[in-house]
Amino acid sequence: MTQEELDALMSGDIDDLDLDEAAEEEVVAQEETKEEEVVDPLEALTQEEKEYDITKVKDDEVTLPLPATNENKMVHQLDDVTKESEEKATEIFDIIEGVSNDLMDAEEHLNSVKDVIESNIELFEKLTQKFPHVEAFKQQLEKNQGVLDAMQTSEEILQNSGDSIMNVMDIMQYQDIHRQKIERVINVMRSLSRYMNTLFEGKIEDEKRVSSAQHIIGDTHNDVASDDDIEALLAQFGN
């Protein structure tokens, strides 16, 4: 420390003291470290995140409802679903019933043929016992027995198919339950519609009401009243 710095320190006037180069470099380094530690939260966001505002939604991002045509009305569609499903279910039941009747007829024909085969087996058994040396009787006996076994297998297949048909008809009964559920939803919707219409019903007819303003002070859009609207409004006040 120089004599001038010592005199200034003794006199209490320390504002005029200059830091030495080492102390000044240390202070600068500490300030730079503090600046590096302070991170702006916005800098950590991407450009897309900075520009995104959840309160603003573009017009093209809003899905407008479909027009209220007969093809888009909910109750109309549900009525069509119940009507078509009932018609298709009736057609399916008719087809299933026809298949079931065919299986029953096939089983009856098979039983008739089965009776003939069993009588043949009984006959060839007697002939084989009476004429054991005749090979033709033995061969016909074996053939008829083989046919009888195949017919029993076919009979089982027909019976299993008939059981499957009955299971399908039982499952199809749920279609009627689904139709009843849809009809119940329709009735609830219609009740709510009538309730809402009654709730919003007014004493003044819509044709006699004053038309709504297209632009009010404070609106963010630029839709202002047209010349025709202004003339109609003046004419209304004139009346």
C-alpha atoms as a PDB file:
ATOM      1  CA  MET A   1       0.000   0.000   0.000  1.00  0.00           C
ATOM      2  CA  THR A   2       1.413   3.417  -0.924  1.00  0.00           C
ATOM      3  CA  GLN A   3       1.732   6.381   1.428  1.00  0.00           C
ATOM      4  CA  GLU A   4      -1.124   8.192  -0.335  1.00  0.00           C
ATOM      5  CA  GLU A   5      -3.463   5.233   0.178  1.00  0.00           C
ATOM      6  CA  LEU A   6      -2.411   5.008   3.833  1.00  0.00           C
ATOM      7  CA  ASP A   7      -3.095   8.736   4.354  1.00  0.00           C
ATOM      8  CA  ALA A   8      -6.493   8.460   2.705  1.00  0.00           C
ATOM      9  CA  LEU A   9      -7.365   5.468   4.893  1.00  0.00           C
ATOM     10  CA  MET A  10      -6.357   7.309   8.050  1.00  0.00           C
ATOM     11  CA  SER A  11      -8.393  10.375   7.054  1.00  0.00           C
ATOM     12  CA  GLY A  12     -11.511   8.227   6.436  1.00  0.00           C
ATOM     13  CA  ASP A  13     -11.833   9.205   2.755  1.00  0.00           C
ATOM     14  CA  ILE A  14     -11.856   5.724   1.211  1.00  0.00           C
ATOM     15  CA  ASP A  15     -14.006   6.582  -1.839  1.00  0.00           C
ATOM     16  CA  ASP A  16     -10.935   7.710  -3.728  1.00  0.00           C
ATOM     17  CA  LEU A  17      -9.096   4.431  -3.225  1.00  0.00           C
ATOM     18  CA  ASP A  18      -8.507   2.319  -6.321  1.00  0.00           C
ATOM     19  CA  LEU A  19      -8.539  -1.406  -6.128  1.00  0.00           C
ATOM     20  CA  ASP A  20      -5.413  -3.092  -7.228  1.00  0.00           C
ATOM     21  CA  GLU A  21      -5.464  -5.159 -10.396  1.00  0.00           C
ATOM     22  CA  ALA A  22      -5.732  -8.535  -8.590  1.00  0.00           C
ATOM     23  CA  ALA A  23      -8.723  -7.474  -6.470  1.00  0.00           C
ATOM     24  CA  GLU A  24     -10.429  -5.923  -9.510  1.00  0.00           C
ATOM     25  CA  GLU A  25     -10.009  -9.112 -11.557  1.00  0.00           C
ATOM     26  CA  GLU A  26     -11.459 -11.153  -8.693  1.00  0.00           C
ATOM     27  CA  VAL A  27     -14.550  -8.937  -8.501  1.00  0.00           C
ATOM     28  CA  VAL A  28     -15.065  -9.123 -12.262  1.00  0.00           C
ATOM     29  CA  ALA A  29     -14.777 -12.924 -12.165  1.00  0.00           C
ATOM     30  CA  GLN A  30     -17.375 -13.165  -9.390  1.00  0.00           C
ATOM     31  CA  GLU A  31     -19.809 -10.961 -11.331  1.00  0.00           C
ATOM     32  CA  GLU A  32     -19.388 -13.066 -14.476  1.00  0.00           C
ATOM     33  CA  THR A  33     -20.047 -16.228 -12.443  1.00  0.00           C
ATOM     34  CA  LYS A  34     -23.260 -14.743 -11.058  1.00  0.00           C
ATOM     35  CA  GLU A  35     -24.406 -13.806 -14.553  1.00  0.00           C
ATOM     36  CA  GLU A  36     -23.789 -17.369 -15.749  1.00  0.00           C
ATOM     37  CA  GLU A  37     -25.776 -18.857 -12.851  1.00  0.00           C
ATOM     38  CA  VAL A  38     -28.852 -16.704 -13.556  1.00  0.00           C
ATOM     39  CA  VAL A  39     -30.798 -18.463 -16.358  1.00  0.00           C
ATOM     40  CA  ASP A  40     -33.864 -16.920 -17.912  1.00  0.00           C
ATOM     41  CA  PRO A  41     -36.685 -19.542 -17.802  1.00  0.00           C
ATOM     42  CA  LEU A  42     -37.896 -18.348 -21.175  1.00  0.00           C
ATOM     43  CA  GLU A  43     -34.549 -19.212 -22.741  1.00  0.00           C
ATOM     44  CA  ALA A  44     -35.095 -22.890 -21.835  1.00  0.00           C
ATOM     45  CA  LEU A  45     -38.301 -22.993 -23.917  1.00  0.00           C
ATOM     46  CA  THR A  46     -38.359 -23.770 -27.591  1.00  0.00           C
ATOM     47  CA  GLN A  47     -39.584 -21.182 -30.073  1.00  0.00           C
ATOM     48  CA  GLU A  48     -42.820 -23.162 -30.552  1.00  0.00           C
ATOM     49  CA  GLU A  49     -43.438 -23.215 -26.787  1.00  0.00           C
ATOM     50  CA  LYS A  50     -42.832 -19.472 -26.566  1.00  0.00           C
ATOM     51  CA  GLU A  51     -45.325 -18.696 -29.317  1.00  0.00           C
ATOM     52  CA  TYR A  52     -47.999 -21.170 -28.108  1.00  0.00           C
ATOM     53  CA  ASP A  53     -50.864 -19.659 -26.204  1.00  0.00           C
ATOM     54  CA  ILE A  54     -53.449 -22.107 -24.866  1.00  0.00           C
ATOM     55  CA  THR A  55     -56.069 -19.357 -24.653  1.00  0.00           C
ATOM     56  CA  LYS A  56     -55.910 -18.770 -28.391  1.00  0.00           C
ATOM     57  CA  VAL A  57     -57.390 -21.318 -30.750  1.00  0.00           C
ATOM     58  CA  LYS A  58     -57.226 -20.920 -34.486  1.00  0.00           C
ATOM     59  CA  ASP A  59     -60.433 -21.042 -36.458  1.00  0.00           C
ATOM     60  CA  ASP A  60     -59.225 -23.974 -38.551  1.00  0.00           C
ATOM     61  CA  GLU A  61     -58.609 -26.001 -35.372  1.00  0.00           C
ATOM     62  CA  VAL A  62     -62.299 -25.863 -34.380  1.00  0.00           C
ATOM     63  CA  THR A  63     -64.427 -28.690 -35.767  1.00  0.00           C
ATOM     64  CA  LEU A  64     -67.816 -27.290 -36.652  1.00  0.00           C
ATOM     65  CA  PRO A  65     -70.883 -29.504 -36.183  1.00  0.00           C
ATOM     66  CA  LEU A  66     -72.543 -31.059 -39.184  1.00  0.00           C
ATOM     67  CA  PRO A  67     -75.627 -29.349 -40.624  1.00  0.00           C
ATOM     68  CA  ALA A  68     -78.947 -30.408 -39.118  1.00  0.00           C
ATOM     69  CA  THR A  69     -80.130 -32.492 -42.078  1.00  0.00           C
ATOM     70  CA  ASN A  70     -82.098 -35.724 -41.917  1.00  0.00           C
ATOM     71  CA  GLU A  71     -78.869 -37.636 -42.532  1.00  0.00           C
ATOM     72  CA  ASN A  72     -77.146 -35.982 -39.542  1.00  0.00           C
ATOM     73  CA  LYS A  73     -79.945 -35.722 -36.992  1.00  0.00           C
ATOM     74  CA  MET A  74     -79.147 -38.076 -34.123  1.00  0.00           C
ATOM     75  CA  VAL A  75     -82.643 -39.377 -33.485  1.00  0.00           C
ATOM     76  CA  HIS A  76     -83.191 -39.926 -37.204  1.00  0.00           C
ATOM     77  CA  GLN A  77     -80.016 -41.984 -37.382  1.00  0.00           C
ATOM     78  CA  LEU A  78     -80.918 -44.033 -34.318  1.00  0.00           C
ATOM     79  CA  ASP A  79     -84.395 -44.662 -35.718  1.00  0.00           C
ATOM     80  CA  ASP A  80     -82.809 -45.875 -38.955  1.00  0.00           C
ATOM     81  CA  VAL A  81     -80.444 -48.132 -37.006  1.00  0.00           C
ATOM     82  CA  THR A  82     -83.232 -49.770 -35.018  1.00  0.00           C
ATOM     83  CA  LYS A  83     -85.403 -50.202 -38.108  1.00  0.00           C
ATOM     84  CA  GLU A  84     -82.649 -51.671 -40.281  1.00  0.00           C
ATOM     85  CA  SER A  85     -81.278 -53.897 -37.515  1.00  0.00           C
ATOM     86  CA  GLU A  86     -84.730 -55.306 -36.854  1.00  0.00           C
ATOM     87  CA  GLU A  87     -85.248 -56.002 -40.553  1.00  0.00           C
ATOM     88  CA  LYS A  88     -81.839 -57.677 -40.926  1.00  0.00           C
ATOM     89  CA  ALA A  89     -82.380 -59.693 -37.756  1.00  0.00           C
ATOM     90  CA  THR A  90     -85.670 -60.974 -39.150  1.00  0.00           C
ATOM     91  CA  GLU A  91     -83.930 -62.006 -42.362  1.00  0.00           C
ATOM     92  CA  ILE A  92     -81.199 -63.796 -40.393  1.00  0.00           C
ATOM     93  CA  PHE A  93     -83.783 -65.642 -38.306  1.00  0.00           C
ATOM     94  CA  ASP A  94     -85.549 -66.766 -41.463  1.00  0.00           C
ATOM     95  CA  ILE A  95     -82.293 -68.104 -42.917  1.00  0.00           C
ATOM     96  CA  ILE A  96     -81.375 -69.866 -39.681  1.00  0.00           C
ATOM     97  CA  GLU A  97     -84.824 -71.407 -39.464  1.00  0.00           C
ATOM     98  CA  GLY A  98     -84.495 -72.683 -43.034  1.00  0.00           C
ATOM     99  CA  VAL A  99     -81.083 -74.245 -42.294  1.00  0.00           C
ATOM    100  CA  SER A 100     -82.459 -75.843 -39.142  1.00  0.00           C
ATOM    101  CA  ASN A 101     -85.373 -77.360 -41.059  1.00  0.00           C
ATOM    102  CA  ASP A 102     -82.971 -78.722 -43.702  1.00  0.00           C
ATOM    103  CA  LEU A 103     -80.869 -80.369 -41.001  1.00  0.00           C
ATOM    104  CA  MET A 104     -83.937 -82.009 -39.485  1.00  0.00           C
ATOM    105  CA  ASP A 105     -85.016 -83.322 -42.917  1.00  0.00           C
ATOM    106  CA  ALA A 106     -81.524 -84.668 -43.576  1.00  0.00           C
ATOM    107  CA  GLU A 107     -81.528 -86.442 -40.235  1.00  0.00           C
ATOM    108  CA  GLU A 108     -84.889 -88.069 -41.018  1.00  0.00           C
ATOM    109  CA  HIS A 109     -83.635 -89.286 -44.421  1.00  0.00           C
ATOM    110  CA  LEU A 110     -80.496 -90.591 -42.779  1.00  0.00           C
ATOM    111  CA  ASN A 111     -82.549 -92.567 -40.258  1.00  0.00           C
ATOM    112  CA  SER A 112     -84.557 -94.124 -43.097  1.00  0.00           C
ATOM    113  CA  VAL A 113     -81.369 -95.255 -44.866  1.00  0.00           C
ATOM    114  CA  LYS A 114     -79.991 -96.412 -41.550  1.00  0.00           C
ATOM    115  CA  ASP A 115     -82.949 -98.756 -41.073  1.00  0.00           C
ATOM    116  CA  VAL A 116     -82.248-100.352 -44.479  1.00  0.00           C
ATOM    117  CA  ILE A 117     -78.539-100.803 -43.685  1.00  0.00           C
ATOM    118  CA  GLU A 118     -79.311-102.415 -40.341  1.00  0.00           C
ATOM    119  CA  SER A 119     -81.712-104.856 -42.028  1.00  0.00           C
ATOM    120  CA  ASN A 120     -79.017-105.714 -44.582  1.00  0.00           C
ATOM    121  CA  ILE A 121     -76.509-106.369 -41.815  1.00  0.00           C
ATOM    122  CA  GLU A 122     -78.970-108.667 -40.070  1.00  0.00           C
ATOM    123  CA  LEU A 123     -79.557-110.573 -43.313  1.00  0.00           C
ATOM    124  CA  PHE A 124     -75.872-111.003 -44.180  1.00  0.00           C
ATOM    125  CA  GLU A 125     -75.080-112.129 -40.639  1.00  0.00           C
ATOM    126  CA  LYS A 126     -77.603-114.971 -41.025  1.00  0.00           C
ATOM    127  CA  LEU A 127     -76.268-115.862 -44.488  1.00  0.00           C
ATOM    128  CA  THR A 128     -72.701-115.846 -43.248  1.00  0.00           C
ATOM    129  CA  GLN A 129     -73.551-118.152 -40.357  1.00  0.00           C
ATOM    130  CA  LYS A 130     -75.474-120.533 -42.648  1.00  0.00           C
ATOM    131  CA  PHE A 131     -72.933-120.409 -45.505  1.00  0.00           C
ATOM    132  CA  PRO A 132     -69.567-119.688 -43.877  1.00  0.00           C
ATOM    133  CA  HIS A 133     -67.627-120.690 -47.002  1.00  0.00           C
ATOM    134  CA  VAL A 134     -69.257-118.023 -49.209  1.00  0.00           C
ATOM    135  CA  GLU A 135     -66.943-115.002 -49.236  1.00  0.00           C
ATOM    136  CA  ALA A 136     -69.469-112.711 -50.923  1.00  0.00           C
ATOM    137  CA  PHE A 137     -71.718-112.783 -47.869  1.00  0.00           C
ATOM    138  CA  LYS A 138     -68.801-111.865 -45.598  1.00  0.00           C
ATOM    139  CA  GLN A 139     -67.727-108.996 -47.854  1.00  0.00           C
ATOM    140  CA  GLN A 140     -71.225-107.526 -48.048  1.00  0.00           C
ATOM    141  CA  LEU A 141     -71.543-107.809 -44.276  1.00  0.00           C
ATOM    142  CA  GLU A 142     -68.320-105.837 -43.782  1.00  0.00           C
ATOM    143  CA  LYS A 143     -69.353-103.164 -46.314  1.00  0.00           C
ATOM    144  CA  ASN A 144     -72.718-102.634 -44.683  1.00  0.00           C
ATOM    145  CA  GLN A 145     -71.147-102.400 -41.257  1.00  0.00           C
ATOM    146  CA  GLY A 146     -68.716 -99.763 -42.578  1.00  0.00           C
ATOM    147  CA  VAL A 147     -71.581 -97.767 -44.093  1.00  0.00           C
ATOM    148  CA  LEU A 148     -73.479 -97.974 -40.783  1.00  0.00           C
ATOM    149  CA  ASP A 149     -70.489 -96.574 -38.896  1.00  0.00           C
ATOM    150  CA  ALA A 150     -70.190 -93.682 -41.398  1.00  0.00           C
ATOM    151  CA  MET A 151     -73.894 -92.953 -41.090  1.00  0.00           C
ATOM    152  CA  GLN A 152     -73.652 -92.787 -37.311  1.00  0.00           C
ATOM    153  CA  THR A 153     -70.829 -90.248 -37.672  1.00  0.00           C
ATOM    154  CA  SER A 154     -72.938 -88.196 -40.101  1.00  0.00           C
ATOM    155  CA  GLU A 155     -75.860 -88.343 -37.692  1.00  0.00           C
ATOM    156  CA  GLU A 156     -73.699 -86.930 -34.911  1.00  0.00           C
ATOM    157  CA  ILE A 157     -72.544 -84.107 -37.216  1.00  0.00           C
ATOM    158  CA  LEU A 158     -76.146 -83.229 -38.055  1.00  0.00           C
ATOM    159  CA  GLN A 159     -77.124 -83.221 -34.397  1.00  0.00           C
ATOM    160  CA  ASN A 160     -74.153 -80.994 -33.474  1.00  0.00           C
ATOM    161  CA  SER A 161     -75.033 -78.625 -36.318  1.00  0.00           C
ATOM    162  CA  GLY A 162     -78.610 -78.435 -35.038  1.00  0.00           C
ATOM    163  CA  ASP A 163     -77.334 -77.569 -31.559  1.00  0.00           C
ATOM    164  CA  SER A 164     -75.088 -74.846 -33.037  1.00  0.00           C
ATOM    165  CA  ILE A 165     -78.055 -73.379 -34.889  1.00  0.00           C
ATOM    166  CA  MET A 166     -80.011 -73.192 -31.650  1.00  0.00           C
ATOM    167  CA  ASN A 167     -77.070 -71.449 -29.958  1.00  0.00           C
ATOM    168  CA  VAL A 168     -76.950 -68.897 -32.779  1.00  0.00           C
ATOM    169  CA  MET A 169     -80.646 -68.188 -32.352  1.00  0.00           C
ATOM    170  CA  ASP A 170     -80.144 -67.700 -28.622  1.00  0.00           C
ATOM    171  CA  ILE A 171     -77.284 -65.266 -29.282  1.00  0.00           C
ATOM    172  CA  MET A 172     -79.403 -63.376 -31.805  1.00  0.00           C
ATOM    173  CA  GLN A 173     -81.885 -62.669 -29.030  1.00  0.00           C
ATOM    174  CA  TYR A 174     -79.387 -60.069 -27.724  1.00  0.00           C
ATOM    175  CA  GLN A 175     -79.996 -58.067 -30.882  1.00  0.00           C
ATOM    176  CA  ASP A 176     -83.525 -57.414 -29.695  1.00  0.00           C
ATOM    177  CA  ILE A 177     -82.163 -56.330 -26.313  1.00  0.00           C
ATOM    178  CA  HIS A 178     -79.789 -53.902 -28.038  1.00  0.00           C
ATOM    179  CA  ARG A 179     -82.677 -52.515 -30.072  1.00  0.00           C
ATOM    180  CA  GLN A 180     -84.658 -51.931 -26.879  1.00  0.00           C
ATOM    181  CA  LYS A 181     -81.682 -50.113 -25.330  1.00  0.00           C
ATOM    182  CA  ILE A 182     -81.365 -47.837 -28.356  1.00  0.00           C
ATOM    183  CA  GLU A 183     -85.092 -47.128 -28.257  1.00  0.00           C
ATOM    184  CA  ARG A 184     -84.778 -46.219 -24.594  1.00  0.00           C
ATOM    185  CA  VAL A 185     -81.974 -43.782 -25.446  1.00  0.00           C
ATOM    186  CA  ILE A 186     -84.166 -42.286 -28.161  1.00  0.00           C
ATOM    187  CA  ASN A 187     -87.030 -41.793 -25.704  1.00  0.00           C
ATOM    188  CA  VAL A 188     -84.707 -40.086 -23.207  1.00  0.00           C
ATOM    189  CA  MET A 189     -83.320 -37.807 -25.918  1.00  0.00           C
ATOM    190  CA  ARG A 190     -86.787 -36.880 -27.092  1.00  0.00           C
ATOM    191  CA  SER A 191     -87.876 -36.165 -23.510  1.00  0.00           C
ATOM    192  CA  LEU A 192     -84.839 -33.928 -22.987  1.00  0.00           C
ATOM    193  CA  SER A 193     -85.543 -32.160 -26.276  1.00  0.00           C
ATOM    194  CA  ARG A 194     -89.136 -31.430 -25.276  1.00  0.00           C
ATOM    195  CA  TYR A 195     -87.976 -30.288 -21.827  1.00  0.00           C
ATOM    196  CA  MET A 196     -85.353 -27.926 -23.274  1.00  0.00           C
ATOM    197  CA  ASN A 197     -87.848 -26.505 -25.757  1.00  0.00           C
ATOM    198  CA  THR A 198     -90.286 -25.855 -22.913  1.00  0.00           C
ATOM    199  CA  LEU A 199     -87.518 -24.387 -20.743  1.00  0.00           C
ATOM    200  CA  PHE A 200     -86.400 -21.893 -23.409  1.00  0.00           C
ATOM    201  CA  GLU A 201     -89.891 -21.061 -24.550  1.00  0.00           C
ATOM    202  CA  GLY A 202     -90.679 -17.328 -24.529  1.00  0.00           C
ATOM    203  CA  LYS A 203     -93.805 -15.211 -24.536  1.00  0.00           C
ATOM    204  CA  ILE A 204     -92.756 -13.302 -27.661  1.00  0.00           C
ATOM    205  CA  GLU A 205     -92.634 -15.006 -31.018  1.00  0.00           C
ATOM    206  CA  ASP A 206     -89.267 -15.023 -32.747  1.00  0.00           C
ATOM    207  CA  GLU A 207     -90.687 -13.160 -35.766  1.00  0.00           C
ATOM    208  CA  LYS A 208     -91.672 -10.231 -33.516  1.00  0.00           C
ATOM    209  CA  ARG A 209     -88.327  -9.932 -31.741  1.00  0.00           C
ATOM    210  CA  VAL A 210     -85.825  -7.135 -32.433  1.00  0.00           C
ATOM    211  CA  SER A 211     -82.910  -8.383 -34.514  1.00  0.00           C
ATOM    212  CA  SER A 212     -79.626  -8.844 -32.644  1.00  0.00           C
ATOM    213  CA  ALA A 213     -76.770  -6.406 -33.195  1.00  0.00           C
ATOM    214  CA  GLN A 214     -73.899  -7.778 -35.240  1.00  0.00           C
ATOM    215  CA  HIS A 215     -71.302  -5.513 -33.645  1.00  0.00           C
ATOM    216  CA  ILE A 216     -71.153  -4.275 -30.048  1.00  0.00           C
ATOM    217  CA  ILE A 217     -68.489  -2.048 -28.541  1.00  0.00           C
ATOM    218  CA  GLY A 218     -65.804  -4.259 -27.085  1.00  0.00           C
ATOM    219  CA  ASP A 219     -66.185  -7.075 -29.643  1.00  0.00           C
ATOM    220  CA  THR A 220     -62.910  -8.429 -30.989  1.00  0.00           C
ATOM    221  CA  HIS A 221     -64.258  -9.155 -34.480  1.00  0.00           C
ATOM    222  CA  ASN A 222     -64.728  -6.591 -37.213  1.00  0.00           C
ATOM    223  CA  ASP A 223     -68.253  -7.550 -38.246  1.00  0.00           C
ATOM    224  CA  VAL A 224     -70.177  -4.286 -38.345  1.00  0.00           C
ATOM    225  CA  ALA A 225     -73.735  -3.628 -39.367  1.00  0.00           C
ATOM    226  CA  SER A 226     -74.315  -3.413 -43.096  1.00  0.00           C
ATOM    227  CA  ASP A 227     -76.200  -0.627 -44.847  1.00  0.00           C
ATOM    228  CA  ASP A 228     -79.256  -2.838 -45.152  1.00  0.00           C
ATOM    229  CA  ASP A 229     -79.202  -3.535 -41.424  1.00  0.00           C
ATOM    230  CA  ILE A 230     -78.967   0.183 -40.642  1.00  0.00           C
ATOM    231  CA  GLU A 231     -81.846   1.045 -42.957  1.00  0.00           C
ATOM    232  CA  ALA A 232     -83.978  -1.723 -41.455  1.00  0.00           C
ATOM    233  CA  LEU A 233     -83.187  -0.478 -37.957  1.00  0.00           C
ATOM    234  CA  LEU A 234     -84.103   3.141 -38.850  1.00  0.00           C
ATOM    235  CA  ALA A 235     -87.311   1.964 -40.453  1.00  0.00           C
ATOM    236  CA  GLN A 236     -88.156   0.015 -37.304  1.00  0.00           C
ATOM    237  CA  PHE A 237     -87.622   3.106 -35.126  1.00  0.00           C
ATOM    238  CA  GLY A 238     -89.707   5.127 -37.569  1.00  0.00           C
ATOM    239  CA  ASN A 239     -92.614   2.792 -37.063  1.00  0.00           C
END
